[in-house]
Amino acid sequence: WGRPDMACFIFTKALLEDRPIDVYNHGEMRRDFTYIDDIVEGVVR
């Protein structure tokens, strides 16, 4: 149920539609990707 403007959604949609994806900083990026269930558990606590 993630947002369409986020990387996971954008990349998945593009691959399924056989379109290229834009990869910024030539791929030299690191992100602390956090799964939604972990976020929600933290908020509830």
ModelCIF file with pLDDT and N, C-alpha, C, O atoms, coordinates in Angstrom:
data_MODEL
#
_entry.id   MODEL 
#
_entity.id                         1 
_entity.type                       polymer 
_entity.pdbx_number_of_molecules   1 
#
_entity_poly.entity_id                      1 
_entity_poly.type                           'polypeptide(L)' 
_entity_poly.nstd_linkage                   no 
_entity_poly.nstd_monomer                   no 
_entity_poly.pdbx_seq_one_letter_code       WGRPDMACFIFTKALLEDRPIDVYNHGEMRRDFTYIDDIVEGVVR 
_entity_poly.pdbx_seq_one_letter_code_can   WGRPDMACFIFTKALLEDRPIDVYNHGEMRRDFTYIDDIVEGVVR 
_entity_poly.pdbx_strand_id                 A 
#
loop_
_entity_poly_seq.entity_id 
_entity_poly_seq.num 
_entity_poly_seq.mon_id 
_entity_poly_seq.hetero 
1 1  TRP n 
1 2  GLY n 
1 3  ARG n 
1 4  PRO n 
1 5  ASP n 
1 6  MET n 
1 7  ALA n 
1 8  CYS n 
1 9  PHE n 
1 10 ILE n 
1 11 PHE n 
1 12 THR n 
1 13 LYS n 
1 14 ALA n 
1 15 LEU n 
1 16 LEU n 
1 17 GLU n 
1 18 ASP n 
1 19 ARG n 
1 20 PRO n 
1 21 ILE n 
1 22 ASP n 
1 23 VAL n 
1 24 TYR n 
1 25 ASN n 
1 26 HIS n 
1 27 GLY n 
1 28 GLU n 
1 29 MET n 
1 30 ARG n 
1 31 ARG n 
1 32 ASP n 
1 33 PHE n 
1 34 THR n 
1 35 TYR n 
1 36 ILE n 
1 37 ASP n 
1 38 ASP n 
1 39 ILE n 
1 40 VAL n 
1 41 GLU n 
1 42 GLY n 
1 43 VAL n 
1 44 VAL n 
1 45 ARG n 
#
_struct_asym.id          A 
_struct_asym.entity_id   1 
#
loop_
_ma_qa_metric.id 
_ma_qa_metric.mode 
_ma_qa_metric.name 
_ma_qa_metric.software_group_id 
_ma_qa_metric.type 
1 global pLDDT . pLDDT 
2 local  pLDDT . pLDDT 
#
_ma_qa_metric_global.metric_id      1 
_ma_qa_metric_global.metric_value   96.47 
_ma_qa_metric_global.model_id       1 
_ma_qa_metric_global.ordinal_id     1 
#
loop_
_ma_qa_metric_local.label_asym_id 
_ma_qa_metric_local.label_comp_id 
_ma_qa_metric_local.label_seq_id 
_ma_qa_metric_local.metric_id 
_ma_qa_metric_local.metric_value 
_ma_qa_metric_local.model_id 
_ma_qa_metric_local.ordinal_id 
A TRP 1  2 98.00 1 1  
A GLY 2  2 98.00 1 2  
A ARG 3  2 97.00 1 3  
A PRO 4  2 96.00 1 4  
A ASP 5  2 94.00 1 5  
A MET 6  2 95.00 1 6  
A ALA 7  2 94.00 1 7  
A CYS 8  2 97.00 1 8  
A PHE 9  2 97.00 1 9  
A ILE 10 2 97.00 1 10 
A PHE 11 2 97.00 1 11 
A THR 12 2 98.00 1 12 
A LYS 13 2 97.00 1 13 
A ALA 14 2 97.00 1 14 
A LEU 15 2 97.00 1 15 
A LEU 16 2 97.00 1 16 
A GLU 17 2 96.00 1 17 
A ASP 18 2 96.00 1 18 
A ARG 19 2 97.00 1 19 
A PRO 20 2 97.00 1 20 
A ILE 21 2 96.00 1 21 
A ASP 22 2 95.00 1 22 
A VAL 23 2 95.00 1 23 
A TYR 24 2 94.00 1 24 
A ASN 25 2 94.00 1 25 
A HIS 26 2 93.00 1 26 
A GLY 27 2 93.00 1 27 
A GLU 28 2 93.00 1 28 
A MET 29 2 94.00 1 29 
A ARG 30 2 96.00 1 30 
A ARG 31 2 96.00 1 31 
A ASP 32 2 97.00 1 32 
A PHE 33 2 97.00 1 33 
A THR 34 2 98.00 1 34 
A TYR 35 2 98.00 1 35 
A ILE 36 2 98.00 1 36 
A ASP 37 2 98.00 1 37 
A ASP 38 2 98.00 1 38 
A ILE 39 2 98.00 1 39 
A VAL 40 2 98.00 1 40 
A GLU 41 2 98.00 1 41 
A GLY 42 2 98.00 1 42 
A VAL 43 2 98.00 1 43 
A VAL 44 2 98.00 1 44 
A ARG 45 2 98.00 1 45 
#
loop_
_atom_site.group_PDB 
_atom_site.id 
_atom_site.type_symbol 
_atom_site.label_atom_id 
_atom_site.label_alt_id 
_atom_site.label_comp_id 
_atom_site.label_asym_id 
_atom_site.label_entity_id 
_atom_site.label_seq_id 
_atom_site.pdbx_PDB_ins_code 
_atom_site.Cartn_x 
_atom_site.Cartn_y 
_atom_site.Cartn_z 
_atom_site.occupancy 
_atom_site.B_iso_or_equiv 
_atom_site.pdbx_formal_charge 
_atom_site.auth_seq_id 
_atom_site.auth_comp_id 
_atom_site.auth_asym_id 
_atom_site.auth_atom_id 
_atom_site.pdbx_PDB_model_num 
ATOM 1   N N  . TRP A 1 1  ? 0.813  -1.207 0.000   1.00 98.00 ? 1  TRP A N  1 
ATOM 2   C CA . TRP A 1 1  ? 0.000  0.000  0.000   1.00 98.00 ? 1  TRP A CA 1 
ATOM 3   C C  . TRP A 1 1  ? 0.860  1.277  0.000   1.00 98.00 ? 1  TRP A C  1 
ATOM 4   O O  . TRP A 1 1  ? 0.379  2.353  0.357   1.00 98.00 ? 1  TRP A O  1 
ATOM 5   N N  . GLY A 1 2  ? 2.133  1.148  -0.403  1.00 98.00 ? 2  GLY A N  1 
ATOM 6   C CA . GLY A 1 2  ? 3.051  2.278  -0.368  1.00 98.00 ? 2  GLY A CA 1 
ATOM 7   C C  . GLY A 1 2  ? 2.731  3.362  -1.388  1.00 98.00 ? 2  GLY A C  1 
ATOM 8   O O  . GLY A 1 2  ? 1.898  3.190  -2.278  1.00 98.00 ? 2  GLY A O  1 
ATOM 9   N N  . ARG A 1 3  ? 3.429  4.489  -1.225  1.00 97.00 ? 3  ARG A N  1 
ATOM 10  C CA . ARG A 1 3  ? 3.194  5.655  -2.082  1.00 97.00 ? 3  ARG A CA 1 
ATOM 11  C C  . ARG A 1 3  ? 3.806  5.451  -3.475  1.00 97.00 ? 3  ARG A C  1 
ATOM 12  O O  . ARG A 1 3  ? 4.894  4.890  -3.599  1.00 97.00 ? 3  ARG A O  1 
ATOM 13  N N  . PRO A 1 4  ? 3.107  5.905  -4.518  1.00 96.00 ? 4  PRO A N  1 
ATOM 14  C CA . PRO A 1 4  ? 3.619  5.756  -5.886  1.00 96.00 ? 4  PRO A CA 1 
ATOM 15  C C  . PRO A 1 4  ? 4.854  6.595  -6.190  1.00 96.00 ? 4  PRO A C  1 
ATOM 16  O O  . PRO A 1 4  ? 5.508  6.362  -7.207  1.00 96.00 ? 4  PRO A O  1 
ATOM 17  N N  . ASP A 1 5  ? 5.195  7.568  -5.337  1.00 94.00 ? 5  ASP A N  1 
ATOM 18  C CA . ASP A 1 5  ? 6.371  8.400  -5.602  1.00 94.00 ? 5  ASP A CA 1 
ATOM 19  C C  . ASP A 1 5  ? 7.620  7.880  -4.897  1.00 94.00 ? 5  ASP A C  1 
ATOM 20  O O  . ASP A 1 5  ? 8.660  8.538  -4.928  1.00 94.00 ? 5  ASP A O  1 
ATOM 21  N N  . MET A 1 6  ? 7.537  6.715  -4.264  1.00 95.00 ? 6  MET A N  1 
ATOM 22  C CA . MET A 1 6  ? 8.674  6.142  -3.555  1.00 95.00 ? 6  MET A CA 1 
ATOM 23  C C  . MET A 1 6  ? 9.384  5.098  -4.420  1.00 95.00 ? 6  MET A C  1 
ATOM 24  O O  . MET A 1 6  ? 8.789  4.512  -5.324  1.00 95.00 ? 6  MET A O  1 
ATOM 25  N N  . ALA A 1 7  ? 10.678 4.878  -4.120  1.00 94.00 ? 7  ALA A N  1 
ATOM 26  C CA . ALA A 1 7  ? 11.539 4.069  -4.984  1.00 94.00 ? 7  ALA A CA 1 
ATOM 27  C C  . ALA A 1 7  ? 10.995 2.669  -5.222  1.00 94.00 ? 7  ALA A C  1 
ATOM 28  O O  . ALA A 1 7  ? 10.991 2.197  -6.358  1.00 94.00 ? 7  ALA A O  1 
ATOM 29  N N  . CYS A 1 8  ? 10.542 2.006  -4.183  1.00 97.00 ? 8  CYS A N  1 
ATOM 30  C CA . CYS A 1 8  ? 10.088 0.621  -4.326  1.00 97.00 ? 8  CYS A CA 1 
ATOM 31  C C  . CYS A 1 8  ? 8.947  0.530  -5.331  1.00 97.00 ? 8  CYS A C  1 
ATOM 32  O O  . CYS A 1 8  ? 8.926  -0.363 -6.178  1.00 97.00 ? 8  CYS A O  1 
ATOM 33  N N  . PHE A 1 9  ? 8.012  1.445  -5.237  1.00 97.00 ? 9  PHE A N  1 
ATOM 34  C CA . PHE A 1 9  ? 6.851  1.483  -6.130  1.00 97.00 ? 9  PHE A CA 1 
ATOM 35  C C  . PHE A 1 9  ? 7.291  1.841  -7.547  1.00 97.00 ? 9  PHE A C  1 
ATOM 36  O O  . PHE A 1 9  ? 6.896  1.180  -8.507  1.00 97.00 ? 9  PHE A O  1 
ATOM 37  N N  . ILE A 1 10 ? 8.105  2.882  -7.677  1.00 97.00 ? 10 ILE A N  1 
ATOM 38  C CA . ILE A 1 10 ? 8.543  3.358  -8.991  1.00 97.00 ? 10 ILE A CA 1 
ATOM 39  C C  . ILE A 1 10 ? 9.309  2.272  -9.742  1.00 97.00 ? 10 ILE A C  1 
ATOM 40  O O  . ILE A 1 10 ? 9.050  2.026  -10.920 1.00 97.00 ? 10 ILE A O  1 
ATOM 41  N N  . PHE A 1 11 ? 10.256 1.621  -9.055  1.00 97.00 ? 11 PHE A N  1 
ATOM 42  C CA . PHE A 1 11 ? 11.079 0.612  -9.707  1.00 97.00 ? 11 PHE A CA 1 
ATOM 43  C C  . PHE A 1 11 ? 10.259 -0.614 -10.099 1.00 97.00 ? 11 PHE A C  1 
ATOM 44  O O  . PHE A 1 11 ? 10.409 -1.140 -11.202 1.00 97.00 ? 11 PHE A O  1 
ATOM 45  N N  . THR A 1 12 ? 9.393  -1.064 -9.195  1.00 98.00 ? 12 THR A N  1 
ATOM 46  C CA . THR A 1 12 ? 8.563  -2.231 -9.489  1.00 98.00 ? 12 THR A CA 1 
ATOM 47  C C  . THR A 1 12 ? 7.660  -1.976 -10.688 1.00 98.00 ? 12 THR A C  1 
ATOM 48  O O  . THR A 1 12 ? 7.556  -2.817 -11.580 1.00 98.00 ? 12 THR A O  1 
ATOM 49  N N  . LYS A 1 13 ? 7.016  -0.829 -10.710 1.00 97.00 ? 13 LYS A N  1 
ATOM 50  C CA . LYS A 1 13 ? 6.109  -0.480 -11.809 1.00 97.00 ? 13 LYS A CA 1 
ATOM 51  C C  . LYS A 1 13 ? 6.865  -0.422 -13.140 1.00 97.00 ? 13 LYS A C  1 
ATOM 52  O O  . LYS A 1 13 ? 6.389  -0.932 -14.155 1.00 97.00 ? 13 LYS A O  1 
ATOM 53  N N  . ALA A 1 14 ? 8.037  0.199  -13.126 1.00 97.00 ? 14 ALA A N  1 
ATOM 54  C CA . ALA A 1 14 ? 8.807  0.342  -14.358 1.00 97.00 ? 14 ALA A CA 1 
ATOM 55  C C  . ALA A 1 14 ? 9.268  -1.004 -14.896 1.00 97.00 ? 14 ALA A C  1 
ATOM 56  O O  . ALA A 1 14 ? 9.185  -1.255 -16.098 1.00 97.00 ? 14 ALA A O  1 
ATOM 57  N N  . LEU A 1 15 ? 9.756  -1.875 -14.009 1.00 97.00 ? 15 LEU A N  1 
ATOM 58  C CA . LEU A 1 15 ? 10.208 -3.188 -14.463 1.00 97.00 ? 15 LEU A CA 1 
ATOM 59  C C  . LEU A 1 15 ? 9.066  -3.995 -15.075 1.00 97.00 ? 15 LEU A C  1 
ATOM 60  O O  . LEU A 1 15 ? 9.246  -4.657 -16.097 1.00 97.00 ? 15 LEU A O  1 
ATOM 61  N N  . LEU A 1 16 ? 7.906  -3.938 -14.456 1.00 97.00 ? 16 LEU A N  1 
ATOM 62  C CA . LEU A 1 16 ? 6.771  -4.692 -14.969 1.00 97.00 ? 16 LEU A CA 1 
ATOM 63  C C  . LEU A 1 16 ? 6.272  -4.141 -16.299 1.00 97.00 ? 16 LEU A C  1 
ATOM 64  O O  . LEU A 1 16 ? 5.681  -4.864 -17.101 1.00 97.00 ? 16 LEU A O  1 
ATOM 65  N N  . GLU A 1 17 ? 6.516  -2.845 -16.524 1.00 96.00 ? 17 GLU A N  1 
ATOM 66  C CA . GLU A 1 17 ? 6.090  -2.221 -17.782 1.00 96.00 ? 17 GLU A CA 1 
ATOM 67  C C  . GLU A 1 17 ? 7.223  -2.138 -18.799 1.00 96.00 ? 17 GLU A C  1 
ATOM 68  O O  . GLU A 1 17 ? 7.073  -1.495 -19.839 1.00 96.00 ? 17 GLU A O  1 
ATOM 69  N N  . ASP A 1 18 ? 8.357  -2.782 -18.511 1.00 96.00 ? 18 ASP A N  1 
ATOM 70  C CA . ASP A 1 18 ? 9.519  -2.785 -19.412 1.00 96.00 ? 18 ASP A CA 1 
ATOM 71  C C  . ASP A 1 18 ? 9.989  -1.376 -19.761 1.00 96.00 ? 18 ASP A C  1 
ATOM 72  O O  . ASP A 1 18 ? 10.326 -1.084 -20.908 1.00 96.00 ? 18 ASP A O  1 
ATOM 73  N N  . ARG A 1 19 ? 10.004 -0.514 -18.752 1.00 97.00 ? 19 ARG A N  1 
ATOM 74  C CA . ARG A 1 19 ? 10.511 0.844  -18.925 1.00 97.00 ? 19 ARG A CA 1 
ATOM 75  C C  . ARG A 1 19 ? 11.803 1.012  -18.130 1.00 97.00 ? 19 ARG A C  1 
ATOM 76  O O  . ARG A 1 19 ? 11.989 0.339  -17.117 1.00 97.00 ? 19 ARG A O  1 
ATOM 77  N N  . PRO A 1 20 ? 12.705 1.903  -18.573 1.00 97.00 ? 20 PRO A N  1 
ATOM 78  C CA . PRO A 1 20 ? 13.937 2.142  -17.810 1.00 97.00 ? 20 PRO A CA 1 
ATOM 79  C C  . PRO A 1 20 ? 13.637 2.885  -16.515 1.00 97.00 ? 20 PRO A C  1 
ATOM 80  O O  . PRO A 1 20 ? 12.620 3.569  -16.404 1.00 97.00 ? 20 PRO A O  1 
ATOM 81  N N  . ILE A 1 21 ? 14.527 2.749  -15.537 1.00 96.00 ? 21 ILE A N  1 
ATOM 82  C CA . ILE A 1 21 ? 14.384 3.460  -14.272 1.00 96.00 ? 21 ILE A CA 1 
ATOM 83  C C  . ILE A 1 21 ? 15.501 4.487  -14.141 1.00 96.00 ? 21 ILE A C  1 
ATOM 84  O O  . ILE A 1 21 ? 16.622 4.260  -14.596 1.00 96.00 ? 21 ILE A O  1 
ATOM 85  N N  . ASP A 1 22 ? 15.187 5.618  -13.515 1.00 95.00 ? 22 ASP A N  1 
ATOM 86  C CA . ASP A 1 22 ? 16.173 6.657  -13.240 1.00 95.00 ? 22 ASP A CA 1 
ATOM 87  C C  . ASP A 1 22 ? 16.876 6.327  -11.929 1.00 95.00 ? 22 ASP A C  1 
ATOM 88  O O  . ASP A 1 22 ? 16.226 6.155  -10.898 1.00 95.00 ? 22 ASP A O  1 
ATOM 89  N N  . VAL A 1 23 ? 18.194 6.238  -11.967 1.00 95.00 ? 23 VAL A N  1 
ATOM 90  C CA . VAL A 1 23 ? 18.999 5.901  -10.794 1.00 95.00 ? 23 VAL A CA 1 
ATOM 91  C C  . VAL A 1 23 ? 19.919 7.080  -10.510 1.00 95.00 ? 23 VAL A C  1 
ATOM 92  O O  . VAL A 1 23 ? 20.854 7.345  -11.266 1.00 95.00 ? 23 VAL A O  1 
ATOM 93  N N  . TYR A 1 24 ? 19.648 7.783  -9.417  1.00 94.00 ? 24 TYR A N  1 
ATOM 94  C CA . TYR A 1 24 ? 20.359 9.037  -9.135  1.00 94.00 ? 24 TYR A CA 1 
ATOM 95  C C  . TYR A 1 24 ? 21.690 8.795  -8.429  1.00 94.00 ? 24 TYR A C  1 
ATOM 96  O O  . TYR A 1 24 ? 21.924 7.753  -7.816  1.00 94.00 ? 24 TYR A O  1 
ATOM 97  N N  . ASN A 1 25 ? 22.543 9.797  -8.542  1.00 94.00 ? 25 ASN A N  1 
ATOM 98  C CA . ASN A 1 25 ? 23.920 9.738  -8.029  1.00 94.00 ? 25 ASN A CA 1 
ATOM 99  C C  . ASN A 1 25 ? 24.654 8.513  -8.579  1.00 94.00 ? 25 ASN A C  1 
ATOM 100 O O  . ASN A 1 25 ? 25.528 7.937  -7.931  1.00 94.00 ? 25 ASN A O  1 
ATOM 101 N N  . HIS A 1 26 ? 24.257 8.135  -9.816  1.00 93.00 ? 26 HIS A N  1 
ATOM 102 C CA . HIS A 1 26 ? 24.878 7.008  -10.510 1.00 93.00 ? 26 HIS A CA 1 
ATOM 103 C C  . HIS A 1 26 ? 24.844 5.724  -9.665  1.00 93.00 ? 26 HIS A C  1 
ATOM 104 O O  . HIS A 1 26 ? 25.719 4.864  -9.770  1.00 93.00 ? 26 HIS A O  1 
ATOM 105 N N  . GLY A 1 27 ? 23.810 5.627  -8.830  1.00 93.00 ? 27 GLY A N  1 
ATOM 106 C CA . GLY A 1 27 ? 23.637 4.441  -8.000  1.00 93.00 ? 27 GLY A CA 1 
ATOM 107 C C  . GLY A 1 27 ? 24.431 4.449  -6.713  1.00 93.00 ? 27 GLY A C  1 
ATOM 108 O O  . GLY A 1 27 ? 24.312 3.529  -5.904  1.00 93.00 ? 27 GLY A O  1 
ATOM 109 N N  . GLU A 1 28 ? 25.248 5.485  -6.512  1.00 93.00 ? 28 GLU A N  1 
ATOM 110 C CA . GLU A 1 28 ? 26.090 5.560  -5.310  1.00 93.00 ? 28 GLU A CA 1 
ATOM 111 C C  . GLU A 1 28 ? 25.312 6.194  -4.164  1.00 93.00 ? 28 GLU A C  1 
ATOM 112 O O  . GLU A 1 28 ? 25.674 7.260  -3.667  1.00 93.00 ? 28 GLU A O  1 
ATOM 113 N N  . MET A 1 29 ? 24.257 5.535  -3.759  1.00 94.00 ? 29 MET A N  1 
ATOM 114 C CA . MET A 1 29 ? 23.427 6.018  -2.661  1.00 94.00 ? 29 MET A CA 1 
ATOM 115 C C  . MET A 1 29 ? 23.114 4.860  -1.731  1.00 94.00 ? 29 MET A C  1 
ATOM 116 O O  . MET A 1 29 ? 23.014 3.710  -2.159  1.00 94.00 ? 29 MET A O  1 
ATOM 117 N N  . ARG A 1 30 ? 22.961 5.179  -0.454  1.00 96.00 ? 30 ARG A N  1 
ATOM 118 C CA . ARG A 1 30 ? 22.531 4.187  0.531   1.00 96.00 ? 30 ARG A CA 1 
ATOM 119 C C  . ARG A 1 30 ? 21.360 4.753  1.317   1.00 96.00 ? 30 ARG A C  1 
ATOM 120 O O  . ARG A 1 30 ? 21.373 5.912  1.732   1.00 96.00 ? 30 ARG A O  1 
ATOM 121 N N  . ARG A 1 31 ? 20.371 3.938  1.510   1.00 96.00 ? 31 ARG A N  1 
ATOM 122 C CA . ARG A 1 31 ? 19.178 4.359  2.224   1.00 96.00 ? 31 ARG A CA 1 
ATOM 123 C C  . ARG A 1 31 ? 18.852 3.362  3.331   1.00 96.00 ? 31 ARG A C  1 
ATOM 124 O O  . ARG A 1 31 ? 19.033 2.154  3.174   1.00 96.00 ? 31 ARG A O  1 
ATOM 125 N N  . ASP A 1 32 ? 18.368 3.892  4.450   1.00 97.00 ? 32 ASP A N  1 
ATOM 126 C CA . ASP A 1 32 ? 17.957 3.055  5.569   1.00 97.00 ? 32 ASP A CA 1 
ATOM 127 C C  . ASP A 1 32 ? 16.492 2.676  5.358   1.00 97.00 ? 32 ASP A C  1 
ATOM 128 O O  . ASP A 1 32 ? 15.601 3.173  6.047   1.00 97.00 ? 32 ASP A O  1 
ATOM 129 N N  . PHE A 1 33 ? 16.261 1.784  4.390   1.00 97.00 ? 33 PHE A N  1 
ATOM 130 C CA . PHE A 1 33 ? 14.909 1.353  4.054   1.00 97.00 ? 33 PHE A CA 1 
ATOM 131 C C  . PHE A 1 33 ? 14.271 0.646  5.251   1.00 97.00 ? 33 PHE A C  1 
ATOM 132 O O  . PHE A 1 33 ? 14.847 -0.280 5.821   1.00 97.00 ? 33 PHE A O  1 
ATOM 133 N N  . THR A 1 34 ? 13.060 1.103  5.623   1.00 98.00 ? 34 THR A N  1 
ATOM 134 C CA . THR A 1 34 ? 12.403 0.592  6.825   1.00 98.00 ? 34 THR A CA 1 
ATOM 135 C C  . THR A 1 34 ? 11.012 0.082  6.472   1.00 98.00 ? 34 THR A C  1 
ATOM 136 O O  . THR A 1 34 ? 10.198 0.815  5.909   1.00 98.00 ? 34 THR A O  1 
ATOM 137 N N  . TYR A 1 35 ? 10.747 -1.161 6.801   1.00 98.00 ? 35 TYR A N  1 
ATOM 138 C CA . TYR A 1 35 ? 9.482  -1.791 6.434   1.00 98.00 ? 35 TYR A CA 1 
ATOM 139 C C  . TYR A 1 35 ? 8.338  -1.210 7.256   1.00 98.00 ? 35 TYR A C  1 
ATOM 140 O O  . TYR A 1 35 ? 8.510  -0.855 8.422   1.00 98.00 ? 35 TYR A O  1 
ATOM 141 N N  . ILE A 1 36 ? 7.168  -1.121 6.628   1.00 98.00 ? 36 ILE A N  1 
ATOM 142 C CA . ILE A 1 36 ? 6.029  -0.432 7.230   1.00 98.00 ? 36 ILE A CA 1 
ATOM 143 C C  . ILE A 1 36 ? 5.618  -1.028 8.577   1.00 98.00 ? 36 ILE A C  1 
ATOM 144 O O  . ILE A 1 36 ? 5.258  -0.279 9.486   1.00 98.00 ? 36 ILE A O  1 
ATOM 145 N N  . ASP A 1 37 ? 5.660  -2.336 8.730   1.00 98.00 ? 37 ASP A N  1 
ATOM 146 C CA . ASP A 1 37 ? 5.260  -2.943 10.001  1.00 98.00 ? 37 ASP A CA 1 
ATOM 147 C C  . ASP A 1 37 ? 6.175  -2.516 11.140  1.00 98.00 ? 37 ASP A C  1 
ATOM 148 O O  . ASP A 1 37 ? 5.722  -2.360 12.274  1.00 98.00 ? 37 ASP A O  1 
ATOM 149 N N  . ASP A 1 38 ? 7.459  -2.326 10.846  1.00 98.00 ? 38 ASP A N  1 
ATOM 150 C CA . ASP A 1 38 ? 8.397  -1.860 11.870  1.00 98.00 ? 38 ASP A CA 1 
ATOM 151 C C  . ASP A 1 38 ? 8.095  -0.419 12.271  1.00 98.00 ? 38 ASP A C  1 
ATOM 152 O O  . ASP A 1 38 ? 8.165  -0.066 13.448  1.00 98.00 ? 38 ASP A O  1 
ATOM 153 N N  . ILE A 1 39 ? 7.762  0.403  11.289  1.00 98.00 ? 39 ILE A N  1 
ATOM 154 C CA . ILE A 1 39 ? 7.395  1.790  11.582  1.00 98.00 ? 39 ILE A CA 1 
ATOM 155 C C  . ILE A 1 39 ? 6.178  1.836  12.491  1.00 98.00 ? 39 ILE A C  1 
ATOM 156 O O  . ILE A 1 39 ? 6.179  2.540  13.501  1.00 98.00 ? 39 ILE A O  1 
ATOM 157 N N  . VAL A 1 40 ? 5.146  1.094  12.139  1.00 98.00 ? 40 VAL A N  1 
ATOM 158 C CA . VAL A 1 40 ? 3.889  1.119  12.896  1.00 98.00 ? 40 VAL A CA 1 
ATOM 159 C C  . VAL A 1 40 ? 4.093  0.572  14.311  1.00 98.00 ? 40 VAL A C  1 
ATOM 160 O O  . VAL A 1 40 ? 3.538  1.112  15.268  1.00 98.00 ? 40 VAL A O  1 
ATOM 161 N N  . GLU A 1 41 ? 4.873  -0.480 14.446  1.00 98.00 ? 41 GLU A N  1 
ATOM 162 C CA . GLU A 1 41 ? 5.143  -1.023 15.780  1.00 98.00 ? 41 GLU A CA 1 
ATOM 163 C C  . GLU A 1 41 ? 5.828  0.028  16.652  1.00 98.00 ? 41 GLU A C  1 
ATOM 164 O O  . GLU A 1 41 ? 5.508  0.165  17.833  1.00 98.00 ? 41 GLU A O  1 
ATOM 165 N N  . GLY A 1 42 ? 6.765  0.766  16.070  1.00 98.00 ? 42 GLY A N  1 
ATOM 166 C CA . GLY A 1 42 ? 7.433  1.824  16.821  1.00 98.00 ? 42 GLY A CA 1 
ATOM 167 C C  . GLY A 1 42 ? 6.466  2.917  17.252  1.00 98.00 ? 42 GLY A C  1 
ATOM 168 O O  . GLY A 1 42 ? 6.527  3.388  18.388  1.00 98.00 ? 42 GLY A O  1 
ATOM 169 N N  . VAL A 1 43 ? 5.577  3.321  16.357  1.00 98.00 ? 43 VAL A N  1 
ATOM 170 C CA . VAL A 1 43 ? 4.607  4.376  16.688  1.00 98.00 ? 43 VAL A CA 1 
ATOM 171 C C  . VAL A 1 43 ? 3.697  3.930  17.820  1.00 98.00 ? 43 VAL A C  1 
ATOM 172 O O  . VAL A 1 43 ? 3.451  4.688  18.758  1.00 98.00 ? 43 VAL A O  1 
ATOM 173 N N  . VAL A 1 44 ? 3.198  2.706  17.737  1.00 98.00 ? 44 VAL A N  1 
ATOM 174 C CA . VAL A 1 44 ? 2.267  2.207  18.754  1.00 98.00 ? 44 VAL A CA 1 
ATOM 175 C C  . VAL A 1 44 ? 2.934  2.156  20.131  1.00 98.00 ? 44 VAL A C  1 
ATOM 176 O O  . VAL A 1 44 ? 2.323  2.519  21.136  1.00 98.00 ? 44 VAL A O  1 
ATOM 177 N N  . ARG A 1 45 ? 4.173  1.710  20.168  1.00 98.00 ? 45 ARG A N  1 
ATOM 178 C CA . ARG A 1 45 ? 4.864  1.666  21.459  1.00 98.00 ? 45 ARG A CA 1 
ATOM 179 C C  . ARG A 1 45 ? 5.071  3.057  22.029  1.00 98.00 ? 45 ARG A C  1 
ATOM 180 O O  . ARG A 1 45 ? 5.638  3.202  23.112  1.00 98.00 ? 45 ARG A O  1 
#
